[in-house]
């Protein structure tokens, strides 16, 4: 993928709103971390041990759980983060994520995260915390509505 196209995709997403143009440009140069997926490609496999997380730059993915039969529990669009639970908690993958058409994702691996420019790991972790807090609040609201 060309750096200009990667930068445009990154620059459009609210996930990166707190990042400087220089940091977004740096992320767009991580060719080895930007992956293209085709329809039905397995991006994450339930049960695997892998501590990376992804930010979907383009396309749609299906989050799938085998319980005991395969059930799609969510569809995620560009800007969504997935794989963050295994990254943060250092546990096996809880779901599978499958490309639902052509997709592009930026992958962050635990072993490389600290080698990024100094402010980027902190901003990534802050954004992940914000996402998880928002999910927890939404779940709390849903539970209290059903009580």
Foldseek 3Di string as FASTA:
>chain_A
DDLVVQLVLQVPAPLCVVPDSVQSSLLSPPVVQKDKDFAFDWPAAFFAQFQKKKAWSAAKKFWWAPPVHIDTPDIDGHNDMPSNCCNVVVDTHRTIITGHGITMMGMDGPVCLPVGPNCVSVSNVVSVVVVVVVVVVVVVVVVVVVD
